[in-house]
């Protein structure tokens, strides 16, 4: 399957349509906000080439893998539940942007 390219507007419309029939998870949203906020703050404070302790790098790698797995599963489930004919979508082929 070739790459699927979505504009930001198309992605936002897709999200809105998929969310219309689902209740949000308060805890998940709060946890995602905390992760995003703290990760961005750390990213801003880190110098280019700055070394972290091995255990820190390991935890970041594990966290990245976990977040990627959750996001891919979430996006796949939303697409599968909300749009017919999209069950063959390979999330690895999804490109957001131009």
N, C-alpha and C. Protein backbone atom coordinates (compact mmCIF):
# COMPACT_ATOMS: atom_id res chain seq x y z
N UNK A 1 0.85 -1.18 0.00
CA UNK A 1 0.00 0.00 0.00
C UNK A 1 0.89 1.23 0.00
N UNK A 2 0.54 2.23 -0.79
CA UNK A 2 1.33 3.45 -0.84
C UNK A 2 0.97 4.35 0.34
N UNK A 3 1.79 5.36 0.57
CA UNK A 3 1.53 6.29 1.67
C UNK A 3 0.21 7.02 1.47
N UNK A 4 -0.46 7.26 2.57
CA UNK A 4 -1.71 8.01 2.57
C UNK A 4 -1.39 9.37 3.17
N UNK A 5 -1.65 10.43 2.43
CA UNK A 5 -1.32 11.77 2.89
C UNK A 5 -2.61 12.50 3.24
N UNK A 6 -2.67 13.03 4.46
CA UNK A 6 -3.81 13.81 4.92
C UNK A 6 -3.36 15.22 5.21
N UNK A 7 -4.18 16.19 4.85
CA UNK A 7 -3.90 17.56 5.27
C UNK A 7 -4.29 17.67 6.74
N UNK A 8 -3.83 18.73 7.39
CA UNK A 8 -4.19 18.93 8.78
C UNK A 8 -5.70 19.12 8.92
N UNK A 9 -6.31 19.80 7.96
CA UNK A 9 -7.76 20.00 7.98
C UNK A 9 -8.50 18.67 7.86
N UNK A 10 -8.03 17.79 6.97
CA UNK A 10 -8.66 16.48 6.81
C UNK A 10 -8.51 15.66 8.09
N UNK A 11 -7.33 15.73 8.72
CA UNK A 11 -7.10 15.00 9.95
C UNK A 11 -8.04 15.50 11.05
N UNK A 12 -8.19 16.81 11.16
CA UNK A 12 -9.08 17.38 12.18
C UNK A 12 -10.52 16.98 11.94
N UNK A 13 -10.97 16.97 10.67
CA UNK A 13 -12.34 16.53 10.36
C UNK A 13 -12.53 15.06 10.73
N UNK A 14 -11.53 14.24 10.44
CA UNK A 14 -11.59 12.82 10.77
C UNK A 14 -11.68 12.63 12.28
N UNK A 15 -10.85 13.35 13.02
CA UNK A 15 -10.89 13.26 14.49
C UNK A 15 -12.27 13.66 15.01
N UNK A 16 -12.79 14.79 14.51
CA UNK A 16 -14.09 15.28 14.97
C UNK A 16 -15.18 14.25 14.71
N UNK A 17 -15.19 13.70 13.51
CA UNK A 17 -16.21 12.71 13.15
C UNK A 17 -16.11 11.47 14.03
N UNK A 18 -14.90 11.04 14.30
CA UNK A 18 -14.71 9.84 15.09
C UNK A 18 -15.05 10.06 16.56
N UNK A 19 -14.85 11.29 17.04
CA UNK A 19 -15.10 11.59 18.45
C UNK A 19 -16.57 11.85 18.75
N UNK A 20 -17.38 12.16 17.74
CA UNK A 20 -18.78 12.51 17.97
C UNK A 20 -19.55 11.43 18.70
N UNK A 21 -19.21 10.18 18.47
CA UNK A 21 -19.97 9.08 19.06
C UNK A 21 -19.27 8.41 20.22
N UNK A 22 -18.23 9.04 20.74
CA UNK A 22 -17.49 8.42 21.84
C UNK A 22 -17.37 9.39 22.99
N UNK A 23 -17.47 8.86 24.21
CA UNK A 23 -17.20 9.66 25.39
C UNK A 23 -15.71 9.65 25.64
N UNK A 24 -15.18 10.78 26.09
CA UNK A 24 -13.75 10.89 26.36
C UNK A 24 -13.39 10.20 27.67
N UNK A 25 -12.14 9.86 27.79
CA UNK A 25 -11.63 9.28 29.03
C UNK A 25 -10.89 10.37 29.78
N UNK A 26 -11.46 10.82 30.88
CA UNK A 26 -10.88 11.93 31.63
C UNK A 26 -9.44 11.63 32.05
N UNK A 27 -9.22 10.46 32.60
CA UNK A 27 -7.87 10.13 33.10
C UNK A 27 -6.87 10.05 31.96
N UNK A 28 -7.24 9.46 30.86
CA UNK A 28 -6.32 9.35 29.73
C UNK A 28 -5.94 10.73 29.21
N UNK A 29 -6.92 11.62 29.10
CA UNK A 29 -6.63 12.98 28.62
C UNK A 29 -5.71 13.69 29.60
N UNK A 30 -5.96 13.54 30.88
CA UNK A 30 -5.12 14.18 31.90
C UNK A 30 -3.70 13.61 31.84
N UNK A 31 -3.57 12.30 31.69
CA UNK A 31 -2.26 11.68 31.62
C UNK A 31 -1.51 12.12 30.36
N UNK A 32 -2.19 12.17 29.23
CA UNK A 32 -1.56 12.62 27.99
C UNK A 32 -1.10 14.07 28.10
N UNK A 33 -1.90 14.91 28.75
CA UNK A 33 -1.51 16.31 28.95
C UNK A 33 -0.25 16.40 29.79
N UNK A 34 -0.20 15.62 30.86
CA UNK A 34 0.98 15.62 31.73
C UNK A 34 2.22 15.15 30.98
N UNK A 35 2.09 14.05 30.24
CA UNK A 35 3.22 13.53 29.45
C UNK A 35 3.70 14.58 28.46
N UNK A 36 2.76 15.15 27.71
CA UNK A 36 3.13 16.13 26.68
C UNK A 36 3.79 17.36 27.29
N UNK A 37 3.23 17.86 28.38
CA UNK A 37 3.75 19.07 29.01
C UNK A 37 5.16 18.84 29.56
N UNK A 38 5.33 17.76 30.30
CA UNK A 38 6.64 17.49 30.90
C UNK A 38 7.69 17.15 29.85
N UNK A 39 7.29 16.39 28.83
CA UNK A 39 8.23 16.04 27.77
C UNK A 39 8.69 17.29 27.02
N UNK A 40 7.76 18.19 26.74
CA UNK A 40 8.11 19.42 26.03
C UNK A 40 9.03 20.29 26.88
N UNK A 41 8.76 20.39 28.17
CA UNK A 41 9.60 21.19 29.07
C UNK A 41 11.01 20.62 29.12
N UNK A 42 11.12 19.31 29.22
CA UNK A 42 12.45 18.68 29.24
C UNK A 42 13.16 18.90 27.91
N UNK A 43 12.42 18.75 26.81
CA UNK A 43 12.99 18.95 25.48
C UNK A 43 13.55 20.36 25.35
N UNK A 44 12.83 21.36 25.87
CA UNK A 44 13.28 22.75 25.81
C UNK A 44 14.56 22.96 26.63
N UNK A 45 14.66 22.30 27.76
CA UNK A 45 15.78 22.52 28.67
C UNK A 45 17.04 21.76 28.28
N UNK A 46 16.88 20.68 27.51
CA UNK A 46 18.05 19.89 27.13
C UNK A 46 18.89 20.62 26.09
N UNK A 47 20.19 20.57 26.27
CA UNK A 47 21.12 21.11 25.28
C UNK A 47 21.32 20.08 24.18
N UNK A 48 21.63 20.55 22.96
CA UNK A 48 21.95 19.62 21.88
C UNK A 48 23.15 18.79 22.27
N UNK A 49 23.04 17.48 22.13
CA UNK A 49 24.14 16.58 22.45
C UNK A 49 24.28 16.28 23.94
N UNK A 50 23.39 16.78 24.75
CA UNK A 50 23.47 16.53 26.20
C UNK A 50 23.25 15.05 26.49
N UNK A 51 24.08 14.49 27.34
CA UNK A 51 24.01 13.08 27.69
C UNK A 51 23.12 12.88 28.92
N UNK A 52 22.30 11.85 28.87
CA UNK A 52 21.50 11.45 30.02
C UNK A 52 22.09 10.17 30.59
N UNK A 53 21.73 9.87 31.81
CA UNK A 53 22.16 8.61 32.40
C UNK A 53 21.49 7.47 31.64
N UNK A 54 22.17 6.31 31.64
CA UNK A 54 21.66 5.16 30.88
C UNK A 54 20.23 4.79 31.25
N UNK A 55 19.91 4.80 32.55
CA UNK A 55 18.57 4.42 32.96
C UNK A 55 17.53 5.41 32.43
N UNK A 56 17.91 6.69 32.32
CA UNK A 56 16.99 7.69 31.79
C UNK A 56 16.71 7.44 30.30
N UNK A 57 17.76 7.17 29.54
CA UNK A 57 17.60 6.88 28.12
C UNK A 57 16.74 5.64 27.91
N UNK A 58 16.95 4.63 28.78
CA UNK A 58 16.17 3.40 28.68
C UNK A 58 14.68 3.67 28.94
N UNK A 59 14.39 4.46 29.96
CA UNK A 59 12.99 4.79 30.28
C UNK A 59 12.35 5.60 29.17
N UNK A 60 13.10 6.52 28.57
CA UNK A 60 12.57 7.31 27.45
C UNK A 60 12.27 6.41 26.25
N UNK A 61 13.16 5.48 25.96
CA UNK A 61 12.95 4.56 24.83
C UNK A 61 11.72 3.68 25.07
N UNK A 62 11.57 3.18 26.30
CA UNK A 62 10.41 2.37 26.63
C UNK A 62 9.12 3.18 26.53
N UNK A 63 9.18 4.42 27.01
CA UNK A 63 8.01 5.29 26.97
C UNK A 63 7.61 5.60 25.54
N UNK A 64 8.61 5.87 24.69
CA UNK A 64 8.31 6.16 23.29
C UNK A 64 7.63 4.96 22.64
N UNK A 65 8.15 3.78 22.87
CA UNK A 65 7.54 2.58 22.29
C UNK A 65 6.11 2.39 22.78
N UNK A 66 5.90 2.64 24.07
CA UNK A 66 4.56 2.50 24.63
C UNK A 66 3.58 3.50 24.05
N UNK A 67 3.99 4.75 23.95
CA UNK A 67 3.12 5.80 23.41
C UNK A 67 2.80 5.51 21.94
N UNK A 68 3.80 5.14 21.17
CA UNK A 68 3.58 4.83 19.75
C UNK A 68 2.59 3.68 19.61
N UNK A 69 2.73 2.65 20.42
CA UNK A 69 1.82 1.50 20.35
C UNK A 69 0.39 1.91 20.69
N UNK A 70 0.23 2.73 21.73
CA UNK A 70 -1.10 3.18 22.13
C UNK A 70 -1.73 4.05 21.05
N UNK A 71 -0.96 5.00 20.51
CA UNK A 71 -1.50 5.91 19.49
C UNK A 71 -1.91 5.14 18.24
N UNK A 72 -1.07 4.22 17.80
CA UNK A 72 -1.40 3.44 16.61
C UNK A 72 -2.66 2.60 16.84
N UNK A 73 -2.76 1.96 18.00
CA UNK A 73 -3.94 1.15 18.31
C UNK A 73 -5.19 2.03 18.41
N UNK A 74 -5.05 3.17 19.06
CA UNK A 74 -6.17 4.10 19.20
C UNK A 74 -6.65 4.58 17.84
N UNK A 75 -5.72 5.01 17.00
CA UNK A 75 -6.08 5.50 15.67
C UNK A 75 -6.69 4.38 14.83
N UNK A 76 -6.14 3.19 14.92
CA UNK A 76 -6.68 2.06 14.16
C UNK A 76 -8.09 1.73 14.63
N UNK A 77 -8.30 1.66 15.94
CA UNK A 77 -9.63 1.35 16.48
C UNK A 77 -10.64 2.41 16.08
N UNK A 78 -10.24 3.68 16.14
CA UNK A 78 -11.15 4.77 15.77
C UNK A 78 -11.53 4.66 14.30
N UNK A 79 -10.56 4.41 13.46
CA UNK A 79 -10.83 4.30 12.02
C UNK A 79 -11.68 3.07 11.75
N UNK A 80 -11.32 1.96 12.38
CA UNK A 80 -12.06 0.71 12.17
C UNK A 80 -13.50 0.84 12.63
N UNK A 81 -13.73 1.49 13.77
CA UNK A 81 -15.08 1.64 14.30
C UNK A 81 -15.90 2.67 13.54
N UNK A 82 -15.24 3.71 13.05
CA UNK A 82 -15.97 4.84 12.50
C UNK A 82 -16.13 4.87 11.00
N UNK A 83 -15.25 4.21 10.27
CA UNK A 83 -15.30 4.32 8.81
C UNK A 83 -15.25 2.94 8.18
N UNK A 84 -16.21 2.66 7.35
CA UNK A 84 -16.21 1.37 6.66
C UNK A 84 -15.21 1.40 5.52
N UNK A 85 -14.60 0.27 5.23
CA UNK A 85 -13.65 0.18 4.14
C UNK A 85 -12.24 0.61 4.50
N UNK A 86 -12.04 1.04 5.75
CA UNK A 86 -10.71 1.49 6.17
C UNK A 86 -9.99 0.43 6.98
N UNK A 87 -10.57 -0.76 7.11
CA UNK A 87 -9.99 -1.80 7.95
C UNK A 87 -8.67 -2.32 7.40
N UNK A 88 -8.35 -2.01 6.16
CA UNK A 88 -7.09 -2.47 5.58
C UNK A 88 -6.01 -1.40 5.66
N UNK A 89 -6.31 -0.29 6.36
CA UNK A 89 -5.36 0.80 6.50
C UNK A 89 -4.14 0.35 7.30
N UNK A 90 -2.98 0.53 6.73
CA UNK A 90 -1.73 0.22 7.43
C UNK A 90 -1.22 1.52 8.05
N UNK A 91 -1.25 1.59 9.38
CA UNK A 91 -0.88 2.82 10.07
C UNK A 91 0.56 3.22 9.80
N UNK A 92 1.41 2.28 9.42
CA UNK A 92 2.80 2.60 9.10
C UNK A 92 2.89 3.41 7.79
N UNK A 93 1.84 3.37 6.97
CA UNK A 93 1.82 4.10 5.71
C UNK A 93 1.20 5.48 5.83
N UNK A 94 0.67 5.81 7.01
CA UNK A 94 -0.01 7.08 7.21
C UNK A 94 1.00 8.20 7.34
N UNK A 95 0.87 9.22 6.50
CA UNK A 95 1.74 10.40 6.56
C UNK A 95 0.83 11.59 6.82
N UNK A 96 1.09 12.32 7.90
CA UNK A 96 0.28 13.49 8.24
C UNK A 96 1.04 14.72 7.77
N UNK A 97 0.41 15.53 6.97
CA UNK A 97 1.05 16.73 6.44
C UNK A 97 1.22 16.62 4.95
N UNK A 98 2.05 17.48 4.42
CA UNK A 98 2.22 17.48 2.96
C UNK A 98 3.47 16.78 2.53
